[in-house]
Amino acid sequence: MFKRKKFLEELSVDGWSVKTDTGFKKISQSNKTVKYRIWLLTTVNHYLECADKHIVFKEDYSEVYVKDLKVGDVIITEYGPERVNYVDETNKKEVMYDLSVESEDKRYYTNGILSHNTT
């Protein structure tokens, strides 16, 4: 069976860091991905465009793919737990960027929503 290549290019991130729920952490790697269909996720204070299998955290810190969220679910944001107001697939596709963070829990904020590395 043919497996599609996910990454197009590795990007230089020397000296870059990202906000996490435990402070700023160094980014160890970033990759430009193939085009994915965009999913839109909103809460009261946050807006995120991402891939279907972008991982976020529910209020109990369990991991969930954005495509598996429902309106009313509660996720962790930089302002604390917030309810999902909207989540759905769009008709748009674009390249995305995949980060790897140098921390044991591999969590970081993506537009204020707590996310997880995919690699």
C-alpha atoms as a PDB file:
ATOM      1  CA  MET A   1       0.000   0.000   0.000  1.00  0.00           C
ATOM      2  CA  PHE A   2       1.307   3.480  -0.913  1.00  0.00           C
ATOM      3  CA  LYS A   3       1.899   5.829   2.014  1.00  0.00           C
ATOM      4  CA  ARG A   4       1.730   9.562   1.263  1.00  0.00           C
ATOM      5  CA  LYS A   5       4.756  11.626   2.279  1.00  0.00           C
ATOM      6  CA  LYS A   6       3.706  14.101   4.992  1.00  0.00           C
ATOM      7  CA  PHE A   7       6.627  16.537   5.032  1.00  0.00           C
ATOM      8  CA  LEU A   8       7.878  18.629   2.120  1.00  0.00           C
ATOM      9  CA  GLU A   9      10.711  20.499   3.807  1.00  0.00           C
ATOM     10  CA  GLU A  10      12.475  20.853   7.161  1.00  0.00           C
ATOM     11  CA  LEU A  11      12.709  24.468   8.292  1.00  0.00           C
ATOM     12  CA  SER A  12      15.454  26.130  10.333  1.00  0.00           C
ATOM     13  CA  VAL A  13      14.283  26.961  13.868  1.00  0.00           C
ATOM     14  CA  ASP A  14      17.610  27.764  15.508  1.00  0.00           C
ATOM     15  CA  GLY A  15      16.904  29.898  18.568  1.00  0.00           C
ATOM     16  CA  TRP A  16      13.107  29.749  18.234  1.00  0.00           C
ATOM     17  CA  SER A  17      10.828  29.018  21.175  1.00  0.00           C
ATOM     18  CA  VAL A  18       7.088  28.661  21.685  1.00  0.00           C
ATOM     19  CA  LYS A  19       4.707  29.357  24.562  1.00  0.00           C
ATOM     20  CA  THR A  20       3.595  26.246  26.444  1.00  0.00           C
ATOM     21  CA  ASP A  21       1.502  25.632  29.540  1.00  0.00           C
ATOM     22  CA  THR A  22       4.776  25.370  31.511  1.00  0.00           C
ATOM     23  CA  GLY A  23       6.552  28.435  30.062  1.00  0.00           C
ATOM     24  CA  PHE A  24       8.466  29.045  26.845  1.00  0.00           C
ATOM     25  CA  LYS A  25      10.201  25.967  25.371  1.00  0.00           C
ATOM     26  CA  LYS A  26      12.696  25.583  22.562  1.00  0.00           C
ATOM     27  CA  ILE A  27      11.400  24.354  19.204  1.00  0.00           C
ATOM     28  CA  SER A  28      13.624  21.465  18.110  1.00  0.00           C
ATOM     29  CA  GLN A  29      12.178  20.974  14.635  1.00  0.00           C
ATOM     30  CA  SER A  30       9.638  22.406  12.208  1.00  0.00           C
ATOM     31  CA  ASN A  31       8.458  20.868   8.963  1.00  0.00           C
ATOM     32  CA  LYS A  32       6.379  22.197   6.109  1.00  0.00           C
ATOM     33  CA  THR A  33       3.695  19.631   5.266  1.00  0.00           C
ATOM     34  CA  VAL A  34       1.817  18.634   2.170  1.00  0.00           C
ATOM     35  CA  LYS A  35      -1.532  20.364   1.664  1.00  0.00           C
ATOM     36  CA  TYR A  36      -4.280  19.331   4.073  1.00  0.00           C
ATOM     37  CA  ARG A  37      -7.927  20.300   4.158  1.00  0.00           C
ATOM     38  CA  ILE A  38      -8.401  23.087   6.723  1.00  0.00           C
ATOM     39  CA  TRP A  39     -10.570  22.564   9.786  1.00  0.00           C
ATOM     40  CA  LEU A  40     -11.836  25.598  11.672  1.00  0.00           C
ATOM     41  CA  LEU A  41     -12.053  25.514  15.473  1.00  0.00           C
ATOM     42  CA  THR A  42     -13.345  28.421  17.574  1.00  0.00           C
ATOM     43  CA  THR A  43     -13.925  29.128  21.247  1.00  0.00           C
ATOM     44  CA  VAL A  44     -15.018  32.404  22.865  1.00  0.00           C
ATOM     45  CA  ASN A  45     -11.462  33.783  22.719  1.00  0.00           C
ATOM     46  CA  HIS A  46      -9.628  31.685  20.120  1.00  0.00           C
ATOM     47  CA  TYR A  47      -9.688  30.816  16.434  1.00  0.00           C
ATOM     48  CA  LEU A  48      -7.615  28.030  14.891  1.00  0.00           C
ATOM     49  CA  GLU A  49      -7.241  26.742  11.351  1.00  0.00           C
ATOM     50  CA  CYS A  50      -5.577  23.325  11.354  1.00  0.00           C
ATOM     51  CA  ALA A  51      -5.560  19.796   9.949  1.00  0.00           C
ATOM     52  CA  ASP A  52      -8.168  17.195  10.867  1.00  0.00           C
ATOM     53  CA  LYS A  53      -5.664  15.249  12.979  1.00  0.00           C
ATOM     54  CA  HIS A  54      -4.284  18.266  14.815  1.00  0.00           C
ATOM     55  CA  ILE A  55      -4.218  17.205  18.479  1.00  0.00           C
ATOM     56  CA  VAL A  56      -5.666  19.457  21.207  1.00  0.00           C
ATOM     57  CA  PHE A  57      -6.426  18.783  24.865  1.00  0.00           C
ATOM     58  CA  LYS A  58      -9.782  18.414  26.587  1.00  0.00           C
ATOM     59  CA  GLU A  59     -10.194  19.908  30.068  1.00  0.00           C
ATOM     60  CA  ASP A  60      -8.940  16.648  31.667  1.00  0.00           C
ATOM     61  CA  TYR A  61      -5.808  16.857  29.449  1.00  0.00           C
ATOM     62  CA  SER A  62      -6.873  13.889  27.337  1.00  0.00           C
ATOM     63  CA  GLU A  63      -5.786  14.237  23.722  1.00  0.00           C
ATOM     64  CA  VAL A  64      -8.352  14.584  20.938  1.00  0.00           C
ATOM     65  CA  TYR A  65      -8.138  15.157  17.195  1.00  0.00           C
ATOM     66  CA  VAL A  66      -9.864  18.360  16.085  1.00  0.00           C
ATOM     67  CA  LYS A  67     -12.039  16.280  13.707  1.00  0.00           C
ATOM     68  CA  ASP A  68     -13.404  14.396  16.748  1.00  0.00           C
ATOM     69  CA  LEU A  69     -14.409  17.500  18.735  1.00  0.00           C
ATOM     70  CA  LYS A  70     -18.046  18.492  19.138  1.00  0.00           C
ATOM     71  CA  VAL A  71     -19.612  21.881  19.856  1.00  0.00           C
ATOM     72  CA  GLY A  72     -19.814  22.168  23.647  1.00  0.00           C
ATOM     73  CA  ASP A  73     -16.664  20.131  24.345  1.00  0.00           C
ATOM     74  CA  VAL A  74     -14.279  21.922  26.701  1.00  0.00           C
ATOM     75  CA  ILE A  75     -10.637  22.327  25.662  1.00  0.00           C
ATOM     76  CA  ILE A  76      -7.597  23.888  27.334  1.00  0.00           C
ATOM     77  CA  THR A  77      -6.574  27.371  26.172  1.00  0.00           C
ATOM     78  CA  GLU A  78      -4.076  29.921  27.432  1.00  0.00           C
ATOM     79  CA  TYR A  79      -6.986  31.512  29.371  1.00  0.00           C
ATOM     80  CA  GLY A  80      -8.060  28.190  30.910  1.00  0.00           C
ATOM     81  CA  PRO A  81     -10.819  25.775  29.859  1.00  0.00           C
ATOM     82  CA  GLU A  82     -13.139  27.067  27.099  1.00  0.00           C
ATOM     83  CA  ARG A  83     -16.105  25.561  25.289  1.00  0.00           C
ATOM     84  CA  VAL A  84     -15.863  24.793  21.595  1.00  0.00           C
ATOM     85  CA  ASN A  85     -18.265  27.148  19.795  1.00  0.00           C
ATOM     86  CA  TYR A  86     -17.656  25.835  16.297  1.00  0.00           C
ATOM     87  CA  VAL A  87     -15.683  23.039  14.647  1.00  0.00           C
ATOM     88  CA  ASP A  88     -15.996  21.950  11.029  1.00  0.00           C
ATOM     89  CA  GLU A  89     -14.126  21.096   7.866  1.00  0.00           C
ATOM     90  CA  THR A  90     -13.742  23.777   5.197  1.00  0.00           C
ATOM     91  CA  ASN A  91     -13.359  23.397   1.439  1.00  0.00           C
ATOM     92  CA  LYS A  92      -9.894  25.002   1.515  1.00  0.00           C
ATOM     93  CA  LYS A  93      -6.538  23.168   1.467  1.00  0.00           C
ATOM     94  CA  GLU A  94      -3.105  24.565   2.240  1.00  0.00           C
ATOM     95  CA  VAL A  95       0.327  23.555   3.460  1.00  0.00           C
ATOM     96  CA  MET A  96       0.742  23.456   7.223  1.00  0.00           C
ATOM     97  CA  TYR A  97       3.667  23.610   9.632  1.00  0.00           C
ATOM     98  CA  ASP A  98       4.418  20.878  12.142  1.00  0.00           C
ATOM     99  CA  LEU A  99       6.390  21.773  15.296  1.00  0.00           C
ATOM    100  CA  SER A 100       8.385  19.577  17.658  1.00  0.00           C
ATOM    101  CA  VAL A 101       8.962  21.077  21.109  1.00  0.00           C
ATOM    102  CA  GLU A 102      11.779  20.199  23.491  1.00  0.00           C
ATOM    103  CA  SER A 103       9.688  19.147  26.494  1.00  0.00           C
ATOM    104  CA  GLU A 104       8.570  15.844  27.977  1.00  0.00           C
ATOM    105  CA  ASP A 105       4.854  16.518  27.482  1.00  0.00           C
ATOM    106  CA  LYS A 106       5.270  17.890  23.913  1.00  0.00           C
ATOM    107  CA  ARG A 107       2.525  20.510  24.479  1.00  0.00           C
ATOM    108  CA  TYR A 108       2.451  24.062  23.151  1.00  0.00           C
ATOM    109  CA  TYR A 109      -0.104  26.750  22.349  1.00  0.00           C
ATOM    110  CA  THR A 110      -1.284  27.124  18.767  1.00  0.00           C
ATOM    111  CA  ASN A 111      -3.161  30.445  18.530  1.00  0.00           C
ATOM    112  CA  GLY A 112      -3.838  30.127  22.264  1.00  0.00           C
ATOM    113  CA  ILE A 113      -5.175  26.528  22.116  1.00  0.00           C
ATOM    114  CA  LEU A 114      -3.092  23.848  23.843  1.00  0.00           C
ATOM    115  CA  SER A 115      -1.810  21.468  21.167  1.00  0.00           C
ATOM    116  CA  HIS A 116       0.472  18.421  20.908  1.00  0.00           C
ATOM    117  CA  ASN A 117       3.327  17.473  18.596  1.00  0.00           C
ATOM    118  CA  THR A 118       2.369  15.072  15.852  1.00  0.00           C
ATOM    119  CA  THR A 119       5.844  13.562  15.603  1.00  0.00           C
END
